[in-house]
Amino acid sequence: MPRLNRDIILHNIAEAREELQNIEKMLNSDQRLDPITFQVAMQHAFHHLNFAWNIRYWPSRRYANLAHADFEQAGSFPDDLQFDDD
């Protein structure tokens, strides 16, 4: 099994966490959270979670020089995650 690229995973998890914390701050404050702002923030968080999973084995060089097709592939919802039906 290939080695996980911990640096790529860490970077993307940190970005997703930061976005989720921003959403949480808005919800815990008097700051207005409209549906569009919420949608954009969630898309940003999912983007980084998808990247963390989809490129977990990619070499850092490939990540640093993403082609458009790589960006699309890495940002898509993973098709290799299994969820229980229960």
PDB file of N, CA and C in Angstrom:
ATOM      1  N   MET A   1       0.851  -1.187   0.000  1.00  0.00           N
ATOM      2  CA  MET A   1       0.000   0.000   0.000  1.00  0.00           C
ATOM      3  C   MET A   1       0.895   1.248   0.000  1.00  0.00           C
ATOM      4  N   PRO A   2       0.543   2.244  -0.808  1.00  0.00           N
ATOM      5  CA  PRO A   2       1.344   3.472  -0.838  1.00  0.00           C
ATOM      6  C   PRO A   2       1.276   4.217   0.488  1.00  0.00           C
ATOM      7  N   ARG A   3       2.260   5.070   0.694  1.00  0.00           N
ATOM      8  CA  ARG A   3       2.284   5.880   1.916  1.00  0.00           C
ATOM      9  C   ARG A   3       1.371   7.089   1.778  1.00  0.00           C
ATOM     10  N   LEU A   4       0.706   7.417   2.857  1.00  0.00           N
ATOM     11  CA  LEU A   4      -0.119   8.620   2.892  1.00  0.00           C
ATOM     12  C   LEU A   4       0.785   9.845   2.828  1.00  0.00           C
ATOM     13  N   ASN A   5       0.367  10.850   2.081  1.00  0.00           N
ATOM     14  CA  ASN A   5       1.100  12.116   2.042  1.00  0.00           C
ATOM     15  C   ASN A   5       0.548  12.991   3.164  1.00  0.00           C
ATOM     16  N   ARG A   6       1.174  12.875   4.291  1.00  0.00           N
ATOM     17  CA  ARG A   6       0.690  13.533   5.503  1.00  0.00           C
ATOM     18  C   ARG A   6       0.624  15.050   5.362  1.00  0.00           C
ATOM     19  N   ASP A   7       1.572  15.641   4.639  1.00  0.00           N
ATOM     20  CA  ASP A   7       1.585  17.097   4.473  1.00  0.00           C
ATOM     21  C   ASP A   7       0.353  17.588   3.722  1.00  0.00           C
ATOM     22  N   ILE A   8       0.019  16.901   2.634  1.00  0.00           N
ATOM     23  CA  ILE A   8      -1.159  17.275   1.851  1.00  0.00           C
ATOM     24  C   ILE A   8      -2.428  17.094   2.684  1.00  0.00           C
ATOM     25  N   ILE A   9      -2.519  15.987   3.365  1.00  0.00           N
ATOM     26  CA  ILE A   9      -3.699  15.714   4.191  1.00  0.00           C
ATOM     27  C   ILE A   9      -3.829  16.776   5.279  1.00  0.00           C
ATOM     28  N   LEU A  10      -2.734  17.039   5.972  1.00  0.00           N
ATOM     29  CA  LEU A  10      -2.749  18.010   7.068  1.00  0.00           C
ATOM     30  C   LEU A  10      -3.178  19.387   6.585  1.00  0.00           C
ATOM     31  N   HIS A  11      -2.622  19.826   5.474  1.00  0.00           N
ATOM     32  CA  HIS A  11      -2.975  21.145   4.940  1.00  0.00           C
ATOM     33  C   HIS A  11      -4.471  21.232   4.648  1.00  0.00           C
ATOM     34  N   ASN A  12      -5.010  20.245   3.988  1.00  0.00           N
ATOM     35  CA  ASN A  12      -6.415  20.293   3.594  1.00  0.00           C
ATOM     36  C   ASN A  12      -7.366  20.108   4.769  1.00  0.00           C
ATOM     37  N   ILE A  13      -6.997  19.291   5.727  1.00  0.00           N
ATOM     38  CA  ILE A  13      -7.820  19.145   6.933  1.00  0.00           C
ATOM     39  C   ILE A  13      -7.836  20.453   7.717  1.00  0.00           C
ATOM     40  N   ALA A  14      -6.691  21.116   7.801  1.00  0.00           N
ATOM     41  CA  ALA A  14      -6.616  22.397   8.501  1.00  0.00           C
ATOM     42  C   ALA A  14      -7.497  23.445   7.820  1.00  0.00           C
ATOM     43  N   GLU A  15      -7.474  23.477   6.484  1.00  0.00           N
ATOM     44  CA  GLU A  15      -8.315  24.422   5.739  1.00  0.00           C
ATOM     45  C   GLU A  15      -9.802  24.128   5.968  1.00  0.00           C
ATOM     46  N   ALA A  16     -10.178  22.861   5.946  1.00  0.00           N
ATOM     47  CA  ALA A  16     -11.579  22.491   6.181  1.00  0.00           C
ATOM     48  C   ALA A  16     -11.997  22.860   7.601  1.00  0.00           C
ATOM     49  N   ARG A  17     -11.132  22.571   8.562  1.00  0.00           N
ATOM     50  CA  ARG A  17     -11.442  22.897   9.960  1.00  0.00           C
ATOM     51  C   ARG A  17     -11.618  24.402  10.145  1.00  0.00           C
ATOM     52  N   GLU A  18     -10.754  25.183   9.520  1.00  0.00           N
ATOM     53  CA  GLU A  18     -10.850  26.635   9.625  1.00  0.00           C
ATOM     54  C   GLU A  18     -12.191  27.142   9.076  1.00  0.00           C
ATOM     55  N   GLU A  19     -12.604  26.591   7.958  1.00  0.00           N
ATOM     56  CA  GLU A  19     -13.888  27.005   7.377  1.00  0.00           C
ATOM     57  C   GLU A  19     -15.043  26.609   8.291  1.00  0.00           C
ATOM     58  N   LEU A  20     -15.000  25.403   8.830  1.00  0.00           N
ATOM     59  CA  LEU A  20     -16.057  24.965   9.753  1.00  0.00           C
ATOM     60  C   LEU A  20     -16.079  25.824  11.014  1.00  0.00           C
ATOM     61  N   GLN A  21     -14.911  26.226  11.501  1.00  0.00           N
ATOM     62  CA  GLN A  21     -14.856  27.103  12.668  1.00  0.00           C
ATOM     63  C   GLN A  21     -15.452  28.473  12.350  1.00  0.00           C
ATOM     64  N   ASN A  22     -15.233  28.952  11.128  1.00  0.00           N
ATOM     65  CA  ASN A  22     -15.841  30.231  10.729  1.00  0.00           C
ATOM     66  C   ASN A  22     -17.359  30.130  10.719  1.00  0.00           C
ATOM     67  N   ILE A  23     -17.878  29.024  10.228  1.00  0.00           N
ATOM     68  CA  ILE A  23     -19.329  28.813  10.238  1.00  0.00           C
ATOM     69  C   ILE A  23     -19.832  28.777  11.677  1.00  0.00           C
ATOM     70  N   GLU A  24     -19.127  28.048  12.505  1.00  0.00           N
ATOM     71  CA  GLU A  24     -19.514  27.938  13.915  1.00  0.00           C
ATOM     72  C   GLU A  24     -19.524  29.310  14.592  1.00  0.00           C
ATOM     73  N   LYS A  25     -18.520  30.132  14.313  1.00  0.00           N
ATOM     74  CA  LYS A  25     -18.468  31.478  14.901  1.00  0.00           C
ATOM     75  C   LYS A  25     -19.673  32.308  14.467  1.00  0.00           C
ATOM     76  N   MET A  26     -20.013  32.219  13.196  1.00  0.00           N
ATOM     77  CA  MET A  26     -21.177  32.970  12.715  1.00  0.00           C
ATOM     78  C   MET A  26     -22.459  32.506  13.398  1.00  0.00           C
ATOM     79  N   LEU A  27     -22.583  31.199  13.577  1.00  0.00           N
ATOM     80  CA  LEU A  27     -23.791  30.654  14.205  1.00  0.00           C
ATOM     81  C   LEU A  27     -23.869  31.004  15.687  1.00  0.00           C
ATOM     82  N   ASN A  28     -22.717  31.118  16.343  1.00  0.00           N
ATOM     83  CA  ASN A  28     -22.679  31.427  17.769  1.00  0.00           C
ATOM     84  C   ASN A  28     -22.715  32.923  18.068  1.00  0.00           C
ATOM     85  N   SER A  29     -22.693  33.738  17.043  1.00  0.00           N
ATOM     86  CA  SER A  29     -22.705  35.180  17.243  1.00  0.00           C
ATOM     87  C   SER A  29     -23.999  35.761  16.673  1.00  0.00           C
ATOM     88  N   ASP A  30     -24.060  37.058  16.737  1.00  0.00           N
ATOM     89  CA  ASP A  30     -25.210  37.741  16.159  1.00  0.00           C
ATOM     90  C   ASP A  30     -25.020  37.972  14.665  1.00  0.00           C
ATOM     91  N   GLN A  31     -23.885  37.523  14.137  1.00  0.00           N
ATOM     92  CA  GLN A  31     -23.606  37.708  12.717  1.00  0.00           C
ATOM     93  C   GLN A  31     -24.602  36.914  11.878  1.00  0.00           C
ATOM     94  N   ARG A  32     -25.109  37.540  10.860  1.00  0.00           N
ATOM     95  CA  ARG A  32     -26.104  36.905   9.996  1.00  0.00           C
ATOM     96  C   ARG A  32     -25.433  35.852   9.124  1.00  0.00           C
ATOM     97  N   LEU A  33     -26.029  34.681   9.069  1.00  0.00           N
ATOM     98  CA  LEU A  33     -25.562  33.619   8.190  1.00  0.00           C
ATOM     99  C   LEU A  33     -26.673  33.348   7.184  1.00  0.00           C
ATOM    100  N   ASP A  34     -26.545  33.946   6.007  1.00  0.00           N
ATOM    101  CA  ASP A  34     -27.577  33.740   4.990  1.00  0.00           C
ATOM    102  C   ASP A  34     -27.296  32.427   4.255  1.00  0.00           C
ATOM    103  N   PRO A  35     -28.296  31.890   3.566  1.00  0.00           N
ATOM    104  CA  PRO A  35     -28.141  30.591   2.907  1.00  0.00           C
ATOM    105  C   PRO A  35     -27.000  30.541   1.886  1.00  0.00           C
ATOM    106  N   ILE A  36     -26.767  31.612   1.167  1.00  0.00           N
ATOM    107  CA  ILE A  36     -25.704  31.592   0.158  1.00  0.00           C
ATOM    108  C   ILE A  36     -24.331  31.575   0.821  1.00  0.00           C
ATOM    109  N   THR A  37     -24.149  32.368   1.844  1.00  0.00           N
ATOM    110  CA  THR A  37     -22.875  32.363   2.580  1.00  0.00           C
ATOM    111  C   THR A  37     -22.621  30.990   3.183  1.00  0.00           C
ATOM    112  N   PHE A  38     -23.663  30.394   3.746  1.00  0.00           N
ATOM    113  CA  PHE A  38     -23.545  29.052   4.326  1.00  0.00           C
ATOM    114  C   PHE A  38     -23.172  28.035   3.250  1.00  0.00           C
ATOM    115  N   GLN A  39     -23.819  28.107   2.097  1.00  0.00           N
ATOM    116  CA  GLN A  39     -23.531  27.170   1.011  1.00  0.00           C
ATOM    117  C   GLN A  39     -22.084  27.294   0.545  1.00  0.00           C
ATOM    118  N   VAL A  40     -21.618  28.507   0.331  1.00  0.00           N
ATOM    119  CA  VAL A  40     -20.246  28.717  -0.135  1.00  0.00           C
ATOM    120  C   VAL A  40     -19.245  28.192   0.902  1.00  0.00           C
ATOM    121  N   ALA A  41     -19.505  28.464   2.165  1.00  0.00           N
ATOM    122  CA  ALA A  41     -18.605  28.000   3.225  1.00  0.00           C
ATOM    123  C   ALA A  41     -18.581  26.472   3.295  1.00  0.00           C
ATOM    124  N   MET A  42     -19.744  25.841   3.175  1.00  0.00           N
ATOM    125  CA  MET A  42     -19.787  24.377   3.208  1.00  0.00           C
ATOM    126  C   MET A  42     -19.092  23.783   1.987  1.00  0.00           C
ATOM    127  N   GLN A  43     -19.284  24.396   0.826  1.00  0.00           N
ATOM    128  CA  GLN A  43     -18.603  23.910  -0.377  1.00  0.00           C
ATOM    129  C   GLN A  43     -17.090  23.997  -0.208  1.00  0.00           C
ATOM    130  N   HIS A  44     -16.627  25.075   0.403  1.00  0.00           N
ATOM    131  CA  HIS A  44     -15.192  25.236   0.633  1.00  0.00           C
ATOM    132  C   HIS A  44     -14.675  24.157   1.580  1.00  0.00           C
ATOM    133  N   ALA A  45     -15.408  23.898   2.645  1.00  0.00           N
ATOM    134  CA  ALA A  45     -15.001  22.860   3.591  1.00  0.00           C
ATOM    135  C   ALA A  45     -14.987  21.486   2.920  1.00  0.00           C
ATOM    136  N   PHE A  46     -16.044  21.156   2.181  1.00  0.00           N
ATOM    137  CA  PHE A  46     -16.093  19.865   1.480  1.00  0.00           C
ATOM    138  C   PHE A  46     -14.978  19.753   0.448  1.00  0.00           C
ATOM    139  N   HIS A  47     -14.690  20.845  -0.242  1.00  0.00           N
ATOM    140  CA  HIS A  47     -13.611  20.842  -1.222  1.00  0.00           C
ATOM    141  C   HIS A  47     -12.313  20.351  -0.582  1.00  0.00           C
ATOM    142  N   HIS A  48     -11.991  20.882   0.576  1.00  0.00           N
ATOM    143  CA  HIS A  48     -10.737  20.498   1.239  1.00  0.00           C
ATOM    144  C   HIS A  48     -10.806  19.081   1.813  1.00  0.00           C
ATOM    145  N   LEU A  49     -11.952  18.675   2.292  1.00  0.00           N
ATOM    146  CA  LEU A  49     -12.086  17.289   2.752  1.00  0.00           C
ATOM    147  C   LEU A  49     -11.953  16.321   1.578  1.00  0.00           C
ATOM    148  N   ASN A  50     -12.568  16.658   0.462  1.00  0.00           N
ATOM    149  CA  ASN A  50     -12.442  15.815  -0.730  1.00  0.00           C
ATOM    150  C   ASN A  50     -10.994  15.746  -1.188  1.00  0.00           C
ATOM    151  N   PHE A  51     -10.321  16.897  -1.214  1.00  0.00           N
ATOM    152  CA  PHE A  51      -8.903  16.907  -1.585  1.00  0.00           C
ATOM    153  C   PHE A  51      -8.094  16.022  -0.644  1.00  0.00           C
ATOM    154  N   ALA A  52      -8.309  16.172   0.658  1.00  0.00           N
ATOM    155  CA  ALA A  52      -7.537  15.390   1.633  1.00  0.00           C
ATOM    156  C   ALA A  52      -7.658  13.897   1.353  1.00  0.00           C
ATOM    157  N   TRP A  53      -8.852  13.455   0.991  1.00  0.00           N
ATOM    158  CA  TRP A  53      -9.063  12.032   0.730  1.00  0.00           C
ATOM    159  C   TRP A  53      -8.539  11.619  -0.644  1.00  0.00           C
ATOM    160  N   ASN A  54      -8.934  12.357  -1.656  1.00  0.00           N
ATOM    161  CA  ASN A  54      -8.638  11.952  -3.030  1.00  0.00           C
ATOM    162  C   ASN A  54      -7.159  12.019  -3.394  1.00  0.00           C
ATOM    163  N   ILE A  55      -6.406  12.883  -2.747  1.00  0.00           N
ATOM    164  CA  ILE A  55      -4.994  13.002  -3.113  1.00  0.00           C
ATOM    165  C   ILE A  55      -4.069  12.533  -1.998  1.00  0.00           C
ATOM    166  N   ARG A  56      -4.589  11.727  -1.131  1.00  0.00           N
ATOM    167  CA  ARG A  56      -3.829  11.277   0.028  1.00  0.00           C
ATOM    168  C   ARG A  56      -2.554  10.521  -0.332  1.00  0.00           C
ATOM    169  N   TYR A  57      -2.480   9.949  -1.518  1.00  0.00           N
ATOM    170  CA  TYR A  57      -1.292   9.210  -1.947  1.00  0.00           C
ATOM    171  C   TYR A  57      -0.479   9.948  -3.006  1.00  0.00           C
ATOM    172  N   TRP A  58      -0.929  11.102  -3.432  1.00  0.00           N
ATOM    173  CA  TRP A  58      -0.220  11.827  -4.490  1.00  0.00           C
ATOM    174  C   TRP A  58       1.102  12.378  -3.970  1.00  0.00           C
ATOM    175  N   PRO A  59       2.109  12.408  -4.816  1.00  0.00           N
ATOM    176  CA  PRO A  59       3.356  13.066  -4.415  1.00  0.00           C
ATOM    177  C   PRO A  59       3.149  14.581  -4.324  1.00  0.00           C
ATOM    178  N   SER A  60       3.886  15.214  -3.469  1.00  0.00           N
ATOM    179  CA  SER A  60       3.748  16.660  -3.272  1.00  0.00           C
ATOM    180  C   SER A  60       3.977  17.432  -4.569  1.00  0.00           C
ATOM    181  N   ARG A  61       4.859  16.948  -5.425  1.00  0.00           N
ATOM    182  CA  ARG A  61       5.131  17.634  -6.688  1.00  0.00           C
ATOM    183  C   ARG A  61       3.862  17.708  -7.543  1.00  0.00           C
ATOM    184  N   ARG A  62       3.105  16.628  -7.591  1.00  0.00           N
ATOM    185  CA  ARG A  62       1.866  16.632  -8.376  1.00  0.00           C
ATOM    186  C   ARG A  62       0.865  17.610  -7.775  1.00  0.00           C
ATOM    187  N   TYR A  63       0.779  17.643  -6.461  1.00  0.00           N
ATOM    188  CA  TYR A  63      -0.136  18.551  -5.769  1.00  0.00           C
ATOM    189  C   TYR A  63       0.252  20.003  -6.033  1.00  0.00           C
ATOM    190  N   ALA A  64       1.536  20.278  -6.068  1.00  0.00           N
ATOM    191  CA  ALA A  64       2.019  21.644  -6.267  1.00  0.00           C
ATOM    192  C   ALA A  64       1.808  22.128  -7.702  1.00  0.00           C
ATOM    193  N   ASN A  65       1.652  21.202  -8.630  1.00  0.00           N
ATOM    194  CA  ASN A  65       1.512  21.549 -10.049  1.00  0.00           C
ATOM    195  C   ASN A  65       0.238  20.939 -10.642  1.00  0.00           C
ATOM    196  N   LEU A  66      -0.874  21.180  -9.983  1.00  0.00           N
ATOM    197  CA  LEU A  66      -2.131  20.564 -10.411  1.00  0.00           C
ATOM    198  C   LEU A  66      -2.552  21.013 -11.801  1.00  0.00           C
ATOM    199  N   ALA A  67      -2.810  20.054 -12.647  1.00  0.00           N
ATOM    200  CA  ALA A  67      -3.462  20.332 -13.919  1.00  0.00           C
ATOM    201  C   ALA A  67      -4.955  20.507 -13.638  1.00  0.00           C
ATOM    202  N   HIS A  68      -5.668  21.113 -14.565  1.00  0.00           N
ATOM    203  CA  HIS A  68      -7.106  21.336 -14.371  1.00  0.00           C
ATOM    204  C   HIS A  68      -7.838  20.016 -14.111  1.00  0.00           C
ATOM    205  N   ALA A  69      -7.492  18.981 -14.861  1.00  0.00           N
ATOM    206  CA  ALA A  69      -8.140  17.669 -14.680  1.00  0.00           C
ATOM    207  C   ALA A  69      -7.860  17.110 -13.290  1.00  0.00           C
ATOM    208  N   ASP A  70      -6.632  17.296 -12.802  1.00  0.00           N
ATOM    209  CA  ASP A  70      -6.291  16.845 -11.443  1.00  0.00           C
ATOM    210  C   ASP A  70      -7.119  17.590 -10.405  1.00  0.00           C
ATOM    211  N   PHE A  71      -7.261  18.903 -10.605  1.00  0.00           N
ATOM    212  CA  PHE A  71      -8.041  19.722  -9.671  1.00  0.00           C
ATOM    213  C   PHE A  71      -9.486  19.236  -9.620  1.00  0.00           C
ATOM    214  N   GLU A  72     -10.066  18.963 -10.783  1.00  0.00           N
ATOM    215  CA  GLU A  72     -11.439  18.471 -10.840  1.00  0.00           C
ATOM    216  C   GLU A  72     -11.566  17.106 -10.162  1.00  0.00           C
ATOM    217  N   GLN A  73     -10.632  16.225 -10.446  1.00  0.00           N
ATOM    218  CA  GLN A  73     -10.659  14.884  -9.852  1.00  0.00           C
ATOM    219  C   GLN A  73     -10.500  14.957  -8.339  1.00  0.00           C
ATOM    220  N   ALA A  74      -9.551  15.736  -7.880  1.00  0.00           N
ATOM    221  CA  ALA A  74      -9.267  15.816  -6.447  1.00  0.00           C
ATOM    222  C   ALA A  74     -10.399  16.472  -5.670  1.00  0.00           C
ATOM    223  N   GLY A  75     -11.105  17.404  -6.288  1.00  0.00           N
ATOM    224  CA  GLY A  75     -12.155  18.118  -5.588  1.00  0.00           C
ATOM    225  C   GLY A  75     -13.507  17.434  -5.609  1.00  0.00           C
ATOM    226  N   SER A  76     -13.620  16.353  -6.340  1.00  0.00           N
ATOM    227  CA  SER A  76     -14.919  15.671  -6.429  1.00  0.00           C
ATOM    228  C   SER A  76     -15.160  14.788  -5.207  1.00  0.00           C
ATOM    229  N   PHE A  77     -16.453  14.540  -4.933  1.00  0.00           N
ATOM    230  CA  PHE A  77     -16.780  13.689  -3.794  1.00  0.00           C
ATOM    231  C   PHE A  77     -16.190  12.300  -4.040  1.00  0.00           C
ATOM    232  N   PRO A  78     -15.515  11.733  -3.052  1.00  0.00           N
ATOM    233  CA  PRO A  78     -14.866  10.428  -3.238  1.00  0.00           C
ATOM    234  C   PRO A  78     -15.860   9.334  -3.622  1.00  0.00           C
ATOM    235  N   ASP A  79     -15.426   8.504  -4.560  1.00  0.00           N
ATOM    236  CA  ASP A  79     -16.270   7.373  -4.950  1.00  0.00           C
ATOM    237  C   ASP A  79     -15.777   6.067  -4.347  1.00  0.00           C
ATOM    238  N   ASP A  80     -14.752   6.170  -3.491  1.00  0.00           N
ATOM    239  CA  ASP A  80     -14.205   4.962  -2.887  1.00  0.00           C
ATOM    240  C   ASP A  80     -14.354   4.943  -1.362  1.00  0.00           C
ATOM    241  N   LEU A  81     -15.266   5.745  -0.846  1.00  0.00           N
ATOM    242  CA  LEU A  81     -15.613   5.692   0.576  1.00  0.00           C
ATOM    243  C   LEU A  81     -16.810   4.764   0.729  1.00  0.00           C
ATOM    244  N   GLN A  82     -16.755   3.916   1.723  1.00  0.00           N
ATOM    245  CA  GLN A  82     -17.885   3.025   1.944  1.00  0.00           C
ATOM    246  C   GLN A  82     -18.638   3.464   3.190  1.00  0.00           C
ATOM    247  N   PHE A  83     -19.952   3.490   3.039  1.00  0.00           N
ATOM    248  CA  PHE A  83     -20.830   3.839   4.148  1.00  0.00           C
ATOM    249  C   PHE A  83     -21.757   2.662   4.405  1.00  0.00           C
ATOM    250  N   ASP A  84     -22.011   2.405   5.677  1.00  0.00           N
ATOM    251  CA  ASP A  84     -22.945   1.327   6.023  1.00  0.00           C
ATOM    252  C   ASP A  84     -24.356   1.706   5.634  1.00  0.00           C
ATOM    253  N   ASP A  85     -25.111   0.728   5.220  1.00  0.00           N
ATOM    254  CA  ASP A  85     -26.515   0.957   4.880  1.00  0.00           C
ATOM    255  C   ASP A  85     -27.415   0.915   6.108  1.00  0.00           C
ATOM    256  N   ASP A  86     -26.874   0.501   7.226  1.00  0.00           N
ATOM    257  CA  ASP A  86     -27.682   0.335   8.452  1.00  0.00           C
ATOM    258  C   ASP A  86     -28.086   1.667   9.015  1.00  0.00           C
TER     259      ASP A  86
END
